[in-house]
Amino acid sequence: MPKVVSFSPIPGSLVRNFFSQAALKYSLDVQVVTINKYDLPLIEKELSDADYVIGDYSFAIPITAEMVDSMQKVKLIQQPSTGYNHIDVEACARKGIPVSNIGGANAISVAEHSIALALILLKRMIYAHEKILEGVWTQGELMNLAGELYGKTWGIIGFGRIGRAVAVRVKALGGKVIYNDTRKLSDEEERKLDVSFREFPKLLSESDIISIHTPLTGKTAKMIGERELRLMKPSCVFLNPSRGELVDEQALALAVQEGWIAGAGVDVFSKEPPPPSHPLIVAAKEGAQIVLTPHIAGATNEARQRIIQVTIENITRVMLGQKPENVVNL
């Protein structure tokens, strides 16, 4: 009986239920062991005879080289999220263990969240809401401040599944899309999507709205810092629904406070949950146009169902002797 060790906060009963469906369809019987706290001796014991591993989407339990060493027969580590920077993928590769993420299972959710953040910031909705609660009618003031997405240039950093899902929605709302990625699309692909490639500095300086959708790696850490923020328009809105470590958070807070850019929408933080002293929280409390959400861009009910389904299906695929999809390290 194949053994699956799950570090994910996804309830073990739900994981077992999804596997029971696969069991009925493919006559597979699976043992599921759920571990929800970092207890290295227990983890190494359970991993020693595990066949498959489901990672922790909250990143509270990392998968280290030491843990990989204890894996004697693991055939796949399936991460139930887009990000996988808490997994030592190089150690996994050295041992021949594929690591897969969820591909585009949460692309719709993240794309919608990005659009929502942009509209909230452009139309000053949080400010308007708070003023009404204070008994202040800001209609006249906001007539001169609120803006539209229509006709704006939206710059997308990282043009994978999520970036493309954002582009489709921006185009539907009448925006123009430019993008930057490590791989430039073909001319035919650009025409089909109605998007244009820009070198990184040009994207920063031309965009009215910028959203970042890249994985966190050694090369992308703090790729948005003071220099990059100062290249943006004073009217620009910056959105980060990807990874907190991609951005210099102190510089971003200062950029909004001092008017280098017009606003920021942030769903992710370098430390989660962020402390009350976090610069973005402090700046938002002091009135800077910053909208913060608790890492929920990709966590809608619908997206979570798709994520679990993709996770179980990929493990089942390998159980049936097929190659896993969305492998990130081999």
C-alpha atoms as a PDB file:
ATOM      1  CA  MET A   1       0.000   0.000   0.000  1.00  0.00           C
ATOM      2  CA  PRO A   2       1.587   3.325  -1.077  1.00  0.00           C
ATOM      3  CA  LYS A   3       2.240   5.699   1.825  1.00  0.00           C
ATOM      4  CA  VAL A   4       1.612   9.441   1.469  1.00  0.00           C
ATOM      5  CA  VAL A   5       3.024  11.823   4.071  1.00  0.00           C
ATOM      6  CA  SER A   6       1.234  15.183   4.075  1.00  0.00           C
ATOM      7  CA  PHE A   7       2.685  18.293   5.708  1.00  0.00           C
ATOM      8  CA  SER A   8      -0.134  20.422   4.351  1.00  0.00           C
ATOM      9  CA  PRO A   9      -2.684  22.165   6.621  1.00  0.00           C
ATOM     10  CA  ILE A  10      -5.277  20.635   4.293  1.00  0.00           C
ATOM     11  CA  PRO A  11      -7.283  18.399   6.681  1.00  0.00           C
ATOM     12  CA  GLY A  12      -6.153  14.800   6.539  1.00  0.00           C
ATOM     13  CA  SER A  13      -9.776  13.667   6.219  1.00  0.00           C
ATOM     14  CA  LEU A  14     -10.160  15.758   3.059  1.00  0.00           C
ATOM     15  CA  VAL A  15      -6.932  14.352   1.572  1.00  0.00           C
ATOM     16  CA  ARG A  16      -8.128  10.811   2.357  1.00  0.00           C
ATOM     17  CA  ASN A  17     -11.515  11.559   0.793  1.00  0.00           C
ATOM     18  CA  PHE A  18      -9.922  12.686  -2.468  1.00  0.00           C
ATOM     19  CA  PHE A  19      -7.667   9.625  -2.479  1.00  0.00           C
ATOM     20  CA  SER A  20     -10.676   7.381  -1.816  1.00  0.00           C
ATOM     21  CA  GLN A  21     -12.196   8.682  -5.044  1.00  0.00           C
ATOM     22  CA  ALA A  22      -9.009   7.760  -6.892  1.00  0.00           C
ATOM     23  CA  ALA A  23      -9.037   4.390  -5.145  1.00  0.00           C
ATOM     24  CA  LEU A  24     -12.504   3.639  -6.489  1.00  0.00           C
ATOM     25  CA  LYS A  25     -11.580   4.717  -9.998  1.00  0.00           C
ATOM     26  CA  TYR A  26      -8.186   3.017 -10.261  1.00  0.00           C
ATOM     27  CA  SER A  27      -8.376   0.319  -7.565  1.00  0.00           C
ATOM     28  CA  LEU A  28      -5.661   1.998  -5.511  1.00  0.00           C
ATOM     29  CA  ASP A  29      -5.423   1.729  -1.747  1.00  0.00           C
ATOM     30  CA  VAL A  30      -3.426   4.528  -0.083  1.00  0.00           C
ATOM     31  CA  GLN A  31      -2.183   5.148   3.458  1.00  0.00           C
ATOM     32  CA  VAL A  32      -2.177   8.859   4.400  1.00  0.00           C
ATOM     33  CA  VAL A  33      -0.124  10.186   7.332  1.00  0.00           C
ATOM     34  CA  THR A  34      -0.646  13.840   8.271  1.00  0.00           C
ATOM     35  CA  ILE A  35       2.043  15.829  10.115  1.00  0.00           C
ATOM     36  CA  ASN A  36       1.143  19.414  11.075  1.00  0.00           C
ATOM     37  CA  LYS A  37       4.100  20.478  13.206  1.00  0.00           C
ATOM     38  CA  TYR A  38       7.856  20.508  12.744  1.00  0.00           C
ATOM     39  CA  ASP A  39       9.008  17.472  14.714  1.00  0.00           C
ATOM     40  CA  LEU A  40      12.179  16.316  12.938  1.00  0.00           C
ATOM     41  CA  PRO A  41      12.533  12.844  14.536  1.00  0.00           C
ATOM     42  CA  LEU A  42       8.880  12.074  13.737  1.00  0.00           C
ATOM     43  CA  ILE A  43       9.179  13.528  10.248  1.00  0.00           C
ATOM     44  CA  GLU A  44      12.313  11.524   9.424  1.00  0.00           C
ATOM     45  CA  LYS A  45      10.707   8.353  10.763  1.00  0.00           C
ATOM     46  CA  GLU A  46       7.597   8.784   8.615  1.00  0.00           C
ATOM     47  CA  LEU A  47       9.598   9.817   5.549  1.00  0.00           C
ATOM     48  CA  SER A  48      11.860   6.791   5.739  1.00  0.00           C
ATOM     49  CA  ASP A  49       9.192   4.506   4.240  1.00  0.00           C
ATOM     50  CA  ALA A  50       7.045   7.132   2.459  1.00  0.00           C
ATOM     51  CA  ASP A  51       6.306   6.812  -1.252  1.00  0.00           C
ATOM     52  CA  TYR A  52       4.888  10.313  -1.799  1.00  0.00           C
ATOM     53  CA  VAL A  53       5.039  13.629   0.041  1.00  0.00           C
ATOM     54  CA  ILE A  54       2.569  16.522   0.018  1.00  0.00           C
ATOM     55  CA  GLY A  55       4.281  19.776   0.980  1.00  0.00           C
ATOM     56  CA  ASP A  56       3.085  22.541   3.283  1.00  0.00           C
ATOM     57  CA  TYR A  57       1.458  25.440   1.454  1.00  0.00           C
ATOM     58  CA  SER A  58       1.892  27.650   4.545  1.00  0.00           C
ATOM     59  CA  PHE A  59       5.679  26.998   4.430  1.00  0.00           C
ATOM     60  CA  ALA A  60       5.720  26.336   8.197  1.00  0.00           C
ATOM     61  CA  ILE A  61       7.299  22.915   7.609  1.00  0.00           C
ATOM     62  CA  PRO A  62      10.245  23.148   5.205  1.00  0.00           C
ATOM     63  CA  ILE A  63      11.599  20.184   3.280  1.00  0.00           C
ATOM     64  CA  THR A  64      15.332  20.361   3.927  1.00  0.00           C
ATOM     65  CA  ALA A  65      18.292  18.425   2.553  1.00  0.00           C
ATOM     66  CA  GLU A  66      18.414  16.580   5.863  1.00  0.00           C
ATOM     67  CA  MET A  67      14.819  15.469   5.417  1.00  0.00           C
ATOM     68  CA  VAL A  68      15.469  14.479   1.805  1.00  0.00           C
ATOM     69  CA  ASP A  69      18.322  12.250   2.994  1.00  0.00           C
ATOM     70  CA  SER A  70      15.825  10.264   5.061  1.00  0.00           C
ATOM     71  CA  MET A  71      13.651   9.575   1.997  1.00  0.00           C
ATOM     72  CA  GLN A  72      14.419   6.044   0.880  1.00  0.00           C
ATOM     73  CA  LYS A  73      11.752   5.522  -1.778  1.00  0.00           C
ATOM     74  CA  VAL A  74       9.890   8.803  -2.343  1.00  0.00           C
ATOM     75  CA  LYS A  75       8.789   9.030  -5.962  1.00  0.00           C
ATOM     76  CA  LEU A  76       7.278  12.542  -5.907  1.00  0.00           C
ATOM     77  CA  ILE A  77       7.046  15.605  -3.680  1.00  0.00           C
ATOM     78  CA  GLN A  78       3.852  17.405  -4.612  1.00  0.00           C
ATOM     79  CA  GLN A  79       3.643  21.001  -3.409  1.00  0.00           C
ATOM     80  CA  PRO A  80       0.007  22.224  -3.140  1.00  0.00           C
ATOM     81  CA  SER A  81       0.856  25.803  -4.087  1.00  0.00           C
ATOM     82  CA  THR A  82       2.599  27.736  -6.820  1.00  0.00           C
ATOM     83  CA  GLY A  83       5.576  28.635  -4.609  1.00  0.00           C
ATOM     84  CA  TYR A  84       8.076  26.010  -3.494  1.00  0.00           C
ATOM     85  CA  ASN A  85      10.989  28.022  -2.089  1.00  0.00           C
ATOM     86  CA  HIS A  86      10.745  26.209   1.280  1.00  0.00           C
ATOM     87  CA  ILE A  87      11.779  22.977  -0.458  1.00  0.00           C
ATOM     88  CA  ASP A  88      15.448  22.208  -1.121  1.00  0.00           C
ATOM     89  CA  VAL A  89      14.786  21.363  -4.757  1.00  0.00           C
ATOM     90  CA  GLU A  90      18.490  20.877  -5.501  1.00  0.00           C
ATOM     91  CA  ALA A  91      18.788  18.213  -2.815  1.00  0.00           C
ATOM     92  CA  CYS A  92      15.701  16.553  -4.282  1.00  0.00           C
ATOM     93  CA  ALA A  93      17.199  16.691  -7.775  1.00  0.00           C
ATOM     94  CA  ARG A  94      20.452  15.114  -6.572  1.00  0.00           C
ATOM     95  CA  LYS A  95      18.433  12.213  -5.219  1.00  0.00           C
ATOM     96  CA  GLY A  96      16.311  12.019  -8.361  1.00  0.00           C
ATOM     97  CA  ILE A  97      13.099  13.032  -6.607  1.00  0.00           C
ATOM     98  CA  PRO A  98      10.832  15.210  -8.758  1.00  0.00           C
ATOM     99  CA  VAL A  99       9.146  18.211  -7.102  1.00  0.00           C
ATOM    100  CA  SER A 100       5.913  19.436  -8.658  1.00  0.00           C
ATOM    101  CA  ASN A 101       3.782  22.480  -7.948  1.00  0.00           C
ATOM    102  CA  ILE A 102       0.144  23.069  -8.857  1.00  0.00           C
ATOM    103  CA  GLY A 103       0.734  24.770 -12.176  1.00  0.00           C
ATOM    104  CA  GLY A 104      -2.149  27.113 -12.883  1.00  0.00           C
ATOM    105  CA  ALA A 105      -4.694  25.721 -10.412  1.00  0.00           C
ATOM    106  CA  ASN A 106      -4.917  29.061  -8.576  1.00  0.00           C
ATOM    107  CA  ALA A 107      -4.281  31.339 -11.564  1.00  0.00           C
ATOM    108  CA  ILE A 108      -7.886  32.542 -11.806  1.00  0.00           C
ATOM    109  CA  SER A 109      -8.034  33.348  -8.101  1.00  0.00           C
ATOM    110  CA  VAL A 110      -4.739  35.283  -8.073  1.00  0.00           C
ATOM    111  CA  ALA A 111      -5.627  37.132 -11.270  1.00  0.00           C
ATOM    112  CA  GLU A 112      -9.003  38.223  -9.892  1.00  0.00           C
ATOM    113  CA  HIS A 113      -7.390  39.321  -6.638  1.00  0.00           C
ATOM    114  CA  SER A 114      -4.862  41.399  -8.570  1.00  0.00           C
ATOM    115  CA  ILE A 115      -7.614  43.126 -10.530  1.00  0.00           C
ATOM    116  CA  ALA A 116      -9.542  43.750  -7.318  1.00  0.00           C
ATOM    117  CA  LEU A 117      -6.530  45.322  -5.592  1.00  0.00           C
ATOM    118  CA  ALA A 118      -5.930  47.588  -8.571  1.00  0.00           C
ATOM    119  CA  LEU A 119      -9.539  48.770  -8.689  1.00  0.00           C
ATOM    120  CA  ILE A 120      -9.668  49.332  -4.922  1.00  0.00           C
ATOM    121  CA  LEU A 121      -6.542  51.496  -5.149  1.00  0.00           C
ATOM    122  CA  LEU A 122      -7.502  53.353  -8.328  1.00  0.00           C
ATOM    123  CA  LYS A 123     -10.951  54.205  -6.992  1.00  0.00           C
ATOM    124  CA  ARG A 124      -9.762  54.906  -3.399  1.00  0.00           C
ATOM    125  CA  MET A 125     -12.403  52.557  -2.010  1.00  0.00           C
ATOM    126  CA  ILE A 126     -10.787  51.931   1.381  1.00  0.00           C
ATOM    127  CA  TYR A 127     -10.368  55.656   1.987  1.00  0.00           C
ATOM    128  CA  ALA A 128     -13.963  56.331   0.907  1.00  0.00           C
ATOM    129  CA  HIS A 129     -15.306  53.559   3.147  1.00  0.00           C
ATOM    130  CA  GLU A 130     -13.381  54.741   6.199  1.00  0.00           C
ATOM    131  CA  LYS A 131     -14.459  58.370   5.713  1.00  0.00           C
ATOM    132  CA  ILE A 132     -18.124  57.422   5.437  1.00  0.00           C
ATOM    133  CA  LEU A 133     -17.818  55.506   8.718  1.00  0.00           C
ATOM    134  CA  GLU A 134     -16.349  58.681  10.238  1.00  0.00           C
ATOM    135  CA  GLY A 135     -19.343  60.653   8.961  1.00  0.00           C
ATOM    136  CA  VAL A 136     -17.337  62.470   6.280  1.00  0.00           C
ATOM    137  CA  TRP A 137     -18.794  62.747   2.746  1.00  0.00           C
ATOM    138  CA  THR A 138     -15.812  62.706   0.346  1.00  0.00           C
ATOM    139  CA  GLN A 139     -17.642  62.721  -2.988  1.00  0.00           C
ATOM    140  CA  GLY A 140     -16.194  66.035  -4.127  1.00  0.00           C
ATOM    141  CA  GLU A 141     -12.663  65.128  -3.055  1.00  0.00           C
ATOM    142  CA  LEU A 142     -12.714  61.716  -4.708  1.00  0.00           C
ATOM    143  CA  MET A 143     -14.058  63.047  -7.998  1.00  0.00           C
ATOM    144  CA  ASN A 144     -10.568  64.505  -8.480  1.00  0.00           C
ATOM    145  CA  LEU A 145      -8.678  61.455  -7.211  1.00  0.00           C
ATOM    146  CA  ALA A 146     -10.452  58.275  -8.338  1.00  0.00           C
ATOM    147  CA  GLY A 147      -9.374  56.749 -11.635  1.00  0.00           C
ATOM    148  CA  GLU A 148     -10.256  53.998 -14.091  1.00  0.00           C
ATOM    149  CA  LEU A 149      -8.439  50.889 -15.219  1.00  0.00           C
ATOM    150  CA  TYR A 150      -9.735  51.481 -18.753  1.00  0.00           C
ATOM    151  CA  GLY A 151      -7.007  52.895 -20.992  1.00  0.00           C
ATOM    152  CA  LYS A 152      -4.252  52.289 -18.438  1.00  0.00           C
ATOM    153  CA  THR A 153      -1.024  50.406 -19.182  1.00  0.00           C
ATOM    154  CA  TRP A 154      -0.644  47.368 -16.932  1.00  0.00           C
ATOM    155  CA  GLY A 155       2.877  45.971 -16.663  1.00  0.00           C
ATOM    156  CA  ILE A 156       3.155  42.289 -15.753  1.00  0.00           C
ATOM    157  CA  ILE A 157       6.429  40.993 -14.313  1.00  0.00           C
ATOM    158  CA  GLY A 158       6.488  37.236 -14.861  1.00  0.00           C
ATOM    159  CA  PHE A 159       4.295  36.014 -17.697  1.00  0.00           C
ATOM    160  CA  GLY A 160       3.465  32.449 -16.719  1.00  0.00           C
ATOM    161  CA  ARG A 161      -0.018  31.082 -16.147  1.00  0.00           C
ATOM    162  CA  ILE A 162      -0.946  33.687 -13.544  1.00  0.00           C
ATOM    163  CA  GLY A 163       0.539  36.579 -15.508  1.00  0.00           C
ATOM    164  CA  ARG A 164      -1.402  35.531 -18.577  1.00  0.00           C
ATOM    165  CA  ALA A 165      -4.621  35.155 -16.575  1.00  0.00           C
ATOM    166  CA  VAL A 166      -4.123  38.737 -15.366  1.00  0.00           C
ATOM    167  CA  ALA A 167      -3.524  39.904 -18.949  1.00  0.00           C
ATOM    168  CA  VAL A 168      -6.781  38.384 -20.202  1.00  0.00           C
ATOM    169  CA  ARG A 169      -8.756  40.217 -17.505  1.00  0.00           C
ATOM    170  CA  VAL A 170      -6.961  43.518 -18.000  1.00  0.00           C
ATOM    171  CA  LYS A 171      -7.679  43.373 -21.732  1.00  0.00           C
ATOM    172  CA  ALA A 172     -11.355  42.620 -21.024  1.00  0.00           C
ATOM    173  CA  LEU A 173     -11.510  45.829 -18.972  1.00  0.00           C
ATOM    174  CA  GLY A 174      -9.951  47.929 -21.710  1.00  0.00           C
ATOM    175  CA  GLY A 175      -6.377  48.117 -20.445  1.00  0.00           C
ATOM    176  CA  LYS A 176      -3.130  47.795 -22.396  1.00  0.00           C
ATOM    177  CA  VAL A 177      -0.739  45.020 -21.338  1.00  0.00           C
ATOM    178  CA  ILE A 178       3.040  44.996 -21.463  1.00  0.00           C
ATOM    179  CA  TYR A 179       5.117  42.247 -19.886  1.00  0.00           C
ATOM    180  CA  ASN A 180       8.603  41.187 -18.886  1.00  0.00           C
ATOM    181  CA  ASP A 181       9.709  37.588 -18.524  1.00  0.00           C
ATOM    182  CA  THR A 182      12.856  35.503 -18.859  1.00  0.00           C
ATOM    183  CA  ARG A 183      11.345  34.203 -22.100  1.00  0.00           C
ATOM    184  CA  LYS A 184       9.930  36.530 -24.713  1.00  0.00           C
ATOM    185  CA  LEU A 185       6.867  35.186 -26.466  1.00  0.00           C
ATOM    186  CA  SER A 186       6.887  34.681 -30.211  1.00  0.00           C
ATOM    187  CA  ASP A 187       5.384  37.442 -32.338  1.00  0.00           C
ATOM    188  CA  GLU A 188       2.414  35.184 -33.035  1.00  0.00           C
ATOM    189  CA  GLU A 189       1.821  34.546 -29.319  1.00  0.00           C
ATOM    190  CA  GLU A 190       2.022  38.267 -28.570  1.00  0.00           C
ATOM    191  CA  ARG A 191      -0.489  39.063 -31.304  1.00  0.00           C
ATOM    192  CA  LYS A 192      -2.854  36.379 -30.037  1.00  0.00           C
ATOM    193  CA  LEU A 193      -2.739  37.736 -26.479  1.00  0.00           C
ATOM    194  CA  ASP A 194      -2.456  41.373 -27.619  1.00  0.00           C
ATOM    195  CA  VAL A 195       0.520  42.046 -25.342  1.00  0.00           C
ATOM    196  CA  SER A 196       3.961  43.590 -25.872  1.00  0.00           C
ATOM    197  CA  PHE A 197       7.334  42.710 -24.369  1.00  0.00           C
ATOM    198  CA  ARG A 198       9.362  45.386 -22.573  1.00  0.00           C
ATOM    199  CA  GLU A 199      12.809  45.298 -21.076  1.00  0.00           C
ATOM    200  CA  PHE A 200      12.554  45.511 -17.297  1.00  0.00           C
ATOM    201  CA  PRO A 201      13.433  49.219 -16.834  1.00  0.00           C
ATOM    202  CA  LYS A 202      11.066  50.218 -19.671  1.00  0.00           C
ATOM    203  CA  LEU A 203       8.206  48.253 -18.154  1.00  0.00           C
ATOM    204  CA  LEU A 204       8.739  49.986 -14.819  1.00  0.00           C
ATOM    205  CA  SER A 205       8.767  53.465 -16.341  1.00  0.00           C
ATOM    206  CA  GLU A 206       5.853  52.997 -18.794  1.00  0.00           C
ATOM    207  CA  SER A 207       3.279  51.250 -16.594  1.00  0.00           C
ATOM    208  CA  ASP A 208       0.354  52.817 -14.746  1.00  0.00           C
ATOM    209  CA  ILE A 209      -0.185  49.568 -12.822  1.00  0.00           C
ATOM    210  CA  ILE A 210       2.447  46.901 -12.156  1.00  0.00           C
ATOM    211  CA  SER A 211       1.875  43.417 -10.785  1.00  0.00           C
ATOM    212  CA  ILE A 212       4.574  40.845 -10.064  1.00  0.00           C
ATOM    213  CA  HIS A 213       4.039  37.113 -10.637  1.00  0.00           C
ATOM    214  CA  THR A 214       7.457  35.482 -10.496  1.00  0.00           C
ATOM    215  CA  PRO A 215       8.726  32.611  -8.340  1.00  0.00           C
ATOM    216  CA  LEU A 216      11.116  33.416  -5.508  1.00  0.00           C
ATOM    217  CA  THR A 217      14.676  32.382  -6.375  1.00  0.00           C
ATOM    218  CA  GLY A 218      18.156  33.645  -5.595  1.00  0.00           C
ATOM    219  CA  LYS A 219      17.925  35.837  -8.696  1.00  0.00           C
ATOM    220  CA  THR A 220      14.482  37.312  -8.013  1.00  0.00           C
ATOM    221  CA  ALA A 221      14.816  38.070  -4.284  1.00  0.00           C
ATOM    222  CA  LYS A 222      14.292  41.820  -3.735  1.00  0.00           C
ATOM    223  CA  MET A 223      14.107  42.423  -7.467  1.00  0.00           C
ATOM    224  CA  ILE A 224      11.908  45.427  -6.625  1.00  0.00           C
ATOM    225  CA  GLY A 225      13.873  47.847  -4.465  1.00  0.00           C
ATOM    226  CA  GLU A 226      14.382  51.596  -4.179  1.00  0.00           C
ATOM    227  CA  ARG A 227      16.020  51.879  -7.596  1.00  0.00           C
ATOM    228  CA  GLU A 228      13.148  50.081  -9.330  1.00  0.00           C
ATOM    229  CA  LEU A 229      10.458  51.953  -7.394  1.00  0.00           C
ATOM    230  CA  ARG A 230      11.993  55.298  -8.340  1.00  0.00           C
ATOM    231  CA  LEU A 231      11.764  54.313 -12.019  1.00  0.00           C
ATOM    232  CA  MET A 232       7.970  54.033 -11.718  1.00  0.00           C
ATOM    233  CA  LYS A 233       5.562  56.870 -12.431  1.00  0.00           C
ATOM    234  CA  PRO A 234       4.359  58.906  -9.420  1.00  0.00           C
ATOM    235  CA  SER A 235       0.848  57.822 -10.473  1.00  0.00           C
ATOM    236  CA  CYS A 236       1.759  54.121 -10.615  1.00  0.00           C
ATOM    237  CA  VAL A 237       0.085  51.471  -8.476  1.00  0.00           C
ATOM    238  CA  PHE A 238       2.230  48.455  -7.545  1.00  0.00           C
ATOM    239  CA  LEU A 239       0.788  45.029  -6.651  1.00  0.00           C
ATOM    240  CA  ASN A 240       2.496  42.029  -5.074  1.00  0.00           C
ATOM    241  CA  PRO A 241       0.344  38.866  -4.863  1.00  0.00           C
ATOM    242  CA  SER A 242       3.381  36.605  -5.362  1.00  0.00           C
ATOM    243  CA  ARG A 243       6.067  36.463  -2.624  1.00  0.00           C
ATOM    244  CA  GLY A 244       6.998  39.049  -0.016  1.00  0.00           C
ATOM    245  CA  GLU A 245      10.723  38.462  -0.474  1.00  0.00           C
ATOM    246  CA  LEU A 246      10.548  39.671  -4.081  1.00  0.00           C
ATOM    247  CA  VAL A 247      10.213  43.234  -2.790  1.00  0.00           C
ATOM    248  CA  ASP A 248      12.161  45.469  -0.424  1.00  0.00           C
ATOM    249  CA  GLU A 249       9.202  46.061   1.864  1.00  0.00           C
ATOM    250  CA  GLN A 250      10.769  49.027   3.670  1.00  0.00           C
ATOM    251  CA  ALA A 251      11.455  50.734   0.336  1.00  0.00           C
ATOM    252  CA  LEU A 252       7.905  50.031  -0.874  1.00  0.00           C
ATOM    253  CA  ALA A 253       6.383  51.572   2.248  1.00  0.00           C
ATOM    254  CA  LEU A 254       8.590  54.638   1.839  1.00  0.00           C
ATOM    255  CA  ALA A 255       7.767  54.884  -1.862  1.00  0.00           C
ATOM    256  CA  VAL A 256       4.045  55.241  -1.106  1.00  0.00           C
ATOM    257  CA  GLN A 257       4.554  57.507   1.906  1.00  0.00           C
ATOM    258  CA  GLU A 258       6.820  59.896   0.014  1.00  0.00           C
ATOM    259  CA  GLY A 259       4.885  59.799  -3.262  1.00  0.00           C
ATOM    260  CA  TRP A 260       7.372  58.026  -5.501  1.00  0.00           C
ATOM    261  CA  ILE A 261       4.338  55.917  -6.480  1.00  0.00           C
ATOM    262  CA  ALA A 262       0.608  56.375  -5.863  1.00  0.00           C
ATOM    263  CA  GLY A 263      -0.211  53.193  -3.986  1.00  0.00           C
ATOM    264  CA  ALA A 264       0.486  49.546  -3.268  1.00  0.00           C
ATOM    265  CA  GLY A 265      -1.584  46.388  -2.899  1.00  0.00           C
ATOM    266  CA  VAL A 266       0.203  43.607  -1.030  1.00  0.00           C
ATOM    267  CA  ASP A 267      -1.016  40.073  -0.318  1.00  0.00           C
ATOM    268  CA  VAL A 268       2.291  38.507   0.767  1.00  0.00           C
ATOM    269  CA  PHE A 269       4.984  39.326   3.304  1.00  0.00           C
ATOM    270  CA  SER A 270       8.556  38.202   3.930  1.00  0.00           C
ATOM    271  CA  LYS A 271       7.416  37.064   7.385  1.00  0.00           C
ATOM    272  CA  GLU A 272       3.891  35.757   7.826  1.00  0.00           C
ATOM    273  CA  PRO A 273       1.959  36.820   9.722  1.00  0.00           C
ATOM    274  CA  PRO A 274       3.747  40.190   9.695  1.00  0.00           C
ATOM    275  CA  PRO A 275       4.396  41.900  13.041  1.00  0.00           C
ATOM    276  CA  PRO A 276       2.569  45.153  13.911  1.00  0.00           C
ATOM    277  CA  SER A 277       5.885  46.963  13.371  1.00  0.00           C
ATOM    278  CA  HIS A 278       6.062  45.852   9.726  1.00  0.00           C
ATOM    279  CA  PRO A 279       6.784  48.951   7.593  1.00  0.00           C
ATOM    280  CA  LEU A 280       3.804  48.400   5.296  1.00  0.00           C
ATOM    281  CA  ILE A 281       1.417  48.051   8.240  1.00  0.00           C
ATOM    282  CA  VAL A 282       2.840  51.142   9.921  1.00  0.00           C
ATOM    283  CA  ALA A 283       2.595  53.146   6.679  1.00  0.00           C
ATOM    284  CA  ALA A 284      -0.989  52.006   6.059  1.00  0.00           C
ATOM    285  CA  LYS A 285      -2.018  52.980   9.602  1.00  0.00           C
ATOM    286  CA  GLU A 286      -0.472  56.404   9.034  1.00  0.00           C
ATOM    287  CA  GLY A 287      -2.696  56.952   6.005  1.00  0.00           C
ATOM    288  CA  ALA A 288      -0.563  55.809   3.072  1.00  0.00           C
ATOM    289  CA  GLN A 289      -2.603  54.362   0.214  1.00  0.00           C
ATOM    290  CA  ILE A 290      -1.667  50.751   0.903  1.00  0.00           C
ATOM    291  CA  VAL A 291      -4.114  47.844   0.832  1.00  0.00           C
ATOM    292  CA  LEU A 292      -3.008  44.702   2.657  1.00  0.00           C
ATOM    293  CA  THR A 293      -4.519  41.209   2.529  1.00  0.00           C
ATOM    294  CA  PRO A 294      -3.400  38.063   4.442  1.00  0.00           C
ATOM    295  CA  HIS A 295      -1.969  35.863   1.656  1.00  0.00           C
ATOM    296  CA  ILE A 296      -5.385  34.927   0.300  1.00  0.00           C
ATOM    297  CA  ALA A 297      -5.018  35.778  -3.407  1.00  0.00           C
ATOM    298  CA  GLY A 298      -4.798  32.125  -4.392  1.00  0.00           C
ATOM    299  CA  ALA A 299      -6.926  30.704  -1.603  1.00  0.00           C
ATOM    300  CA  THR A 300     -10.545  30.941  -2.715  1.00  0.00           C
ATOM    301  CA  ASN A 301     -12.821  27.965  -2.066  1.00  0.00           C
ATOM    302  CA  GLU A 302     -12.791  27.166  -5.769  1.00  0.00           C
ATOM    303  CA  ALA A 303      -9.006  27.439  -6.065  1.00  0.00           C
ATOM    304  CA  ARG A 304      -8.465  25.259  -2.988  1.00  0.00           C
ATOM    305  CA  GLN A 305     -10.638  22.545  -4.516  1.00  0.00           C
ATOM    306  CA  ARG A 306      -8.652  22.711  -7.756  1.00  0.00           C
ATOM    307  CA  ILE A 307      -5.364  22.662  -5.814  1.00  0.00           C
ATOM    308  CA  ILE A 308      -6.333  19.534  -3.875  1.00  0.00           C
ATOM    309  CA  GLN A 309      -7.596  17.895  -7.050  1.00  0.00           C
ATOM    310  CA  VAL A 310      -4.371  18.671  -8.966  1.00  0.00           C
ATOM    311  CA  THR A 311      -2.313  17.441  -6.006  1.00  0.00           C
ATOM    312  CA  ILE A 312      -4.129  14.098  -5.748  1.00  0.00           C
ATOM    313  CA  GLU A 313      -4.291  13.606  -9.521  1.00  0.00           C
ATOM    314  CA  ASN A 314      -0.554  14.159  -9.933  1.00  0.00           C
ATOM    315  CA  ILE A 315       0.316  11.668  -7.205  1.00  0.00           C
ATOM    316  CA  THR A 316      -2.167   9.200  -8.684  1.00  0.00           C
ATOM    317  CA  ARG A 317      -0.575   9.711 -12.090  1.00  0.00           C
ATOM    318  CA  VAL A 318       2.792   8.590 -10.718  1.00  0.00           C
ATOM    319  CA  MET A 319       1.191   5.653  -8.869  1.00  0.00           C
ATOM    320  CA  LEU A 320      -0.108   4.490 -12.249  1.00  0.00           C
ATOM    321  CA  GLY A 321       3.382   4.604 -13.722  1.00  0.00           C
ATOM    322  CA  GLN A 322       3.029   7.902 -15.598  1.00  0.00           C
ATOM    323  CA  LYS A 323       5.271  10.968 -15.432  1.00  0.00           C
ATOM    324  CA  PRO A 324       4.293  13.768 -13.038  1.00  0.00           C
ATOM    325  CA  GLU A 325       3.222  17.158 -14.388  1.00  0.00           C
ATOM    326  CA  ASN A 326       4.469  20.632 -13.389  1.00  0.00           C
ATOM    327  CA  VAL A 327       7.903  19.383 -12.299  1.00  0.00           C
ATOM    328  CA  VAL A 328      10.117  22.301 -11.215  1.00  0.00           C
ATOM    329  CA  ASN A 329      13.476  20.684 -10.505  1.00  0.00           C
ATOM    330  CA  LEU A 330      14.317  17.953 -13.055  1.00  0.00           C
END
